[in-house]
Amino acid sequence: MLYWTTIGPAITGLLAKEARGDAYGAMIMELQVIFQESEQELVDPEYWLHMLREIRIAFSPLATCEVLRGQIQALREDESLLRLLYYLALSNSPDATLEDCCGTQAVTFDFLLRTEPNGKLIARYLAVYILRFWRHVAETQASELHNPLRFRKASRIIDAPTFSNIAVLLLLAENATGARFSDDLRRRLIEASQQA
């Protein structure tokens, strides 16, 4: 539960607030101190401290997409929670392409929707981040999109970071960036876009 109540919301909360620079490192260091002080009460303190070390590196300004992709590929199958945080770091990386961002955001958002109720708070923060991210792209990087006027117009219509709106936005971003979702991911996002 520490992941769903503390680590995940802390990271996605910073993303939603558009935090930059050392904000991630400072927050993760605070969490490390708290976890070290509570070590006796944690079931597997080394697991949590390892996760915090990994995400501190992943969200550092020096982490490149190449490094993050390597870290993601090196993860074991049972490390889905850490993988989720690496995807978020990749989406937030300064050298990420719009296609990278779209793909990682879609995979992460879909994973969180499938883990409800645990992932609901993280998904809410992520929805705010995704909406702000693509609005910013529509205004500042439209020339990098396929059919930028259509994307800009469509993204302006989406006014609230509801889960159904974010699913629609990610499907629009897939077309606009040239990202290629798997059939299963696309189907799940279409289903999410139709939820009230």
Protein backbone atom coordinates (compact mmCIF):
# COMPACT_ATOMS: atom_id res chain seq x y z
CA MET A 1 0.00 0.00 0.00
CA LEU A 2 2.95 2.37 0.45
CA TYR A 3 3.24 2.62 -3.30
CA TRP A 4 -0.42 3.52 -3.85
CA THR A 5 -0.71 5.91 -0.90
CA THR A 6 2.72 7.55 -0.80
CA ILE A 7 5.26 7.01 -3.58
CA GLY A 8 2.97 7.04 -6.62
CA PRO A 9 0.90 10.04 -5.52
CA ALA A 10 4.06 11.98 -4.58
CA ILE A 11 5.56 11.55 -8.06
CA THR A 12 2.36 12.09 -10.03
CA GLY A 13 1.42 15.02 -7.80
CA LEU A 14 4.66 16.73 -8.80
CA LEU A 15 3.96 15.96 -12.46
CA ALA A 16 0.47 17.44 -12.14
CA LYS A 17 1.96 20.59 -10.60
CA GLU A 18 4.48 20.77 -13.46
CA ALA A 19 7.39 20.62 -11.03
CA ARG A 20 10.83 21.02 -12.56
CA GLY A 21 14.44 20.83 -11.58
CA ASP A 22 15.32 19.44 -8.20
CA ALA A 23 11.74 19.07 -6.94
CA TYR A 24 11.71 15.33 -7.64
CA GLY A 25 15.07 14.70 -6.05
CA ALA A 26 14.18 16.72 -2.95
CA MET A 27 10.84 14.96 -2.52
CA ILE A 28 12.39 11.53 -3.02
CA MET A 29 15.14 12.31 -0.50
CA GLU A 30 12.45 13.31 2.02
CA LEU A 31 10.68 10.00 1.40
CA GLN A 32 13.97 8.13 1.86
CA VAL A 33 14.49 9.77 5.24
CA ILE A 34 10.94 8.92 6.31
CA PHE A 35 11.31 5.31 5.15
CA GLN A 36 14.69 4.95 6.88
CA GLU A 37 13.24 6.31 10.12
CA SER A 38 10.29 3.90 9.81
CA GLU A 39 12.43 0.93 8.81
CA GLN A 40 11.32 -1.15 11.79
CA GLU A 41 7.67 -0.83 10.76
CA LEU A 42 8.15 -1.75 7.08
CA VAL A 43 7.79 -5.32 5.90
CA ASP A 44 10.64 -5.06 3.38
CA PRO A 45 12.48 -1.77 3.94
CA GLU A 46 15.26 -2.60 1.44
CA TYR A 47 12.69 -3.02 -1.34
CA TRP A 48 11.24 0.45 -0.73
CA LEU A 49 14.60 2.15 -0.31
CA HIS A 50 15.82 0.50 -3.52
CA MET A 51 12.72 1.76 -5.35
CA LEU A 52 13.31 5.30 -4.07
CA ARG A 53 16.96 5.22 -5.14
CA GLU A 54 15.95 4.04 -8.60
CA ILE A 55 13.31 6.72 -9.11
CA ARG A 56 15.59 9.45 -7.78
CA ILE A 57 17.99 8.57 -10.58
CA ALA A 58 15.18 8.21 -13.13
CA PHE A 59 13.81 11.68 -12.39
CA SER A 60 17.20 13.37 -12.25
CA PRO A 61 17.87 15.97 -14.96
CA LEU A 62 20.73 13.76 -16.19
CA ALA A 63 18.54 10.74 -17.00
CA THR A 64 18.16 10.39 -20.76
CA CYS A 65 15.56 8.43 -22.68
CA GLU A 66 18.21 5.91 -23.67
CA VAL A 67 19.14 5.28 -20.03
CA LEU A 68 15.49 5.05 -18.98
CA ARG A 69 14.66 2.60 -21.78
CA GLY A 70 17.61 0.46 -20.67
CA GLN A 71 16.35 0.50 -17.09
CA ILE A 72 12.84 -0.46 -18.20
CA GLN A 73 14.15 -3.36 -20.28
CA ALA A 74 16.28 -4.60 -17.37
CA LEU A 75 13.30 -4.83 -14.99
CA ARG A 76 11.95 -8.21 -14.00
CA GLU A 77 8.36 -9.09 -14.86
CA ASP A 78 7.26 -8.65 -11.22
CA GLU A 79 8.54 -5.06 -11.04
CA SER A 80 5.48 -3.44 -12.63
CA LEU A 81 5.25 -0.69 -10.01
CA LEU A 82 8.81 0.45 -10.65
CA ARG A 83 8.20 0.12 -14.42
CA LEU A 84 5.26 2.50 -14.06
CA LEU A 85 7.51 5.12 -12.46
CA TYR A 86 10.15 4.67 -15.16
CA TYR A 87 7.48 5.27 -17.80
CA LEU A 88 6.49 8.48 -16.04
CA ALA A 89 10.13 9.56 -15.91
CA LEU A 90 10.51 8.79 -19.62
CA SER A 91 7.43 10.86 -20.42
CA ASN A 92 8.88 13.73 -18.40
CA SER A 93 12.40 13.45 -19.87
CA PRO A 94 13.58 16.55 -21.77
CA ASP A 95 14.83 14.43 -24.69
CA ALA A 96 11.66 12.34 -25.06
CA THR A 97 9.90 12.53 -28.41
CA LEU A 98 6.18 13.24 -28.53
CA GLU A 99 5.72 9.66 -29.71
CA ASP A 100 7.60 8.42 -26.60
CA CYS A 101 5.46 10.60 -24.36
CA CYS A 102 2.22 9.48 -25.93
CA GLY A 103 3.10 5.81 -25.68
CA THR A 104 4.36 5.89 -22.11
CA GLN A 105 1.45 8.03 -20.93
CA ALA A 106 -1.07 5.68 -22.56
CA VAL A 107 0.49 2.53 -21.09
CA THR A 108 0.73 4.10 -17.64
CA PHE A 109 -2.80 5.52 -17.70
CA ASP A 110 -4.23 2.20 -18.87
CA PHE A 111 -2.35 0.30 -16.14
CA LEU A 112 -3.69 2.65 -13.47
CA LEU A 113 -7.26 2.34 -14.71
CA ARG A 114 -6.97 -1.44 -14.49
CA THR A 115 -5.68 -1.28 -10.90
CA GLU A 116 -8.59 0.67 -9.46
CA PRO A 117 -9.30 1.40 -6.69
CA ASN A 118 -5.59 1.33 -5.73
CA GLY A 119 -4.45 3.43 -8.69
CA LYS A 120 -7.27 5.96 -8.61
CA LEU A 121 -5.42 8.80 -6.83
CA ILE A 122 -2.34 8.34 -9.01
CA ALA A 123 -4.57 8.22 -12.11
CA ARG A 124 -6.24 11.50 -11.11
CA TYR A 125 -2.89 13.27 -10.84
CA LEU A 126 -1.71 11.66 -14.05
CA ALA A 127 -4.88 12.82 -15.83
CA VAL A 128 -4.12 16.44 -14.86
CA TYR A 129 -0.53 16.03 -16.07
CA ILE A 130 -1.57 14.47 -19.39
CA LEU A 131 -4.16 17.19 -20.10
CA ARG A 132 -1.67 19.98 -19.36
CA PHE A 133 1.07 18.23 -21.31
CA TRP A 134 -0.95 17.88 -24.53
CA ARG A 135 -2.43 21.37 -24.27
CA HIS A 136 1.11 22.70 -24.03
CA VAL A 137 2.16 20.58 -27.01
CA ALA A 138 -0.81 21.85 -29.03
CA GLU A 139 0.22 25.43 -28.35
CA THR A 140 4.02 25.19 -28.58
CA GLN A 141 4.90 22.14 -30.67
CA ALA A 142 2.01 21.86 -33.08
CA SER A 143 4.35 21.81 -36.06
CA GLU A 144 5.66 18.42 -34.87
CA LEU A 145 2.18 16.87 -35.06
CA HIS A 146 0.29 15.30 -37.94
CA ASN A 147 -2.71 17.54 -38.65
CA PRO A 148 -1.86 20.09 -35.91
CA LEU A 149 -4.96 22.26 -36.37
CA ARG A 150 -7.27 19.31 -35.82
CA PHE A 151 -5.34 18.25 -32.73
CA ARG A 152 -5.32 21.77 -31.30
CA LYS A 153 -9.06 22.18 -31.87
CA ALA A 154 -9.86 18.78 -30.38
CA SER A 155 -7.60 19.30 -27.36
CA ARG A 156 -9.28 22.63 -26.57
CA ILE A 157 -12.66 20.90 -26.36
CA ILE A 158 -11.38 18.64 -23.59
CA ASP A 159 -11.85 20.90 -20.62
CA ALA A 160 -11.62 18.57 -17.61
CA PRO A 161 -9.16 15.80 -16.72
CA THR A 162 -11.81 13.08 -16.44
CA PHE A 163 -10.65 9.57 -17.19
CA SER A 164 -12.86 9.38 -20.30
CA ASN A 165 -11.52 12.71 -21.59
CA ILE A 166 -7.92 11.62 -21.05
CA ALA A 167 -8.56 8.36 -22.92
CA VAL A 168 -9.91 10.42 -25.85
CA LEU A 169 -6.95 12.78 -25.68
CA LEU A 170 -4.46 9.90 -25.73
CA LEU A 171 -6.20 8.38 -28.76
CA LEU A 172 -5.99 11.76 -30.50
CA ALA A 173 -2.33 12.06 -29.53
CA GLU A 174 -1.64 8.60 -30.96
CA ASN A 175 -2.85 9.78 -34.36
CA ALA A 176 -1.16 13.16 -34.09
CA THR A 177 2.25 11.80 -33.09
CA GLY A 178 2.41 8.62 -35.12
CA ALA A 179 2.64 6.49 -31.98
CA ARG A 180 1.37 2.96 -32.44
CA PHE A 181 -0.66 1.47 -29.61
CA SER A 182 -1.28 -2.25 -29.45
CA ASP A 183 -4.78 -3.32 -30.43
CA ASP A 184 -5.53 -4.24 -26.81
CA LEU A 185 -4.36 -0.88 -25.48
CA ARG A 186 -6.35 1.00 -28.11
CA ARG A 187 -9.47 -1.08 -27.36
CA ARG A 188 -9.16 -0.41 -23.61
CA LEU A 189 -8.70 3.32 -24.19
CA ILE A 190 -11.75 3.38 -26.47
CA GLU A 191 -13.74 1.61 -23.75
CA ALA A 192 -12.46 4.09 -21.14
CA SER A 193 -13.39 7.00 -23.41
CA GLN A 194 -17.00 5.79 -23.41
CA GLN A 195 -17.31 5.59 -19.62
CA ALA A 196 -19.41 8.28 -17.96
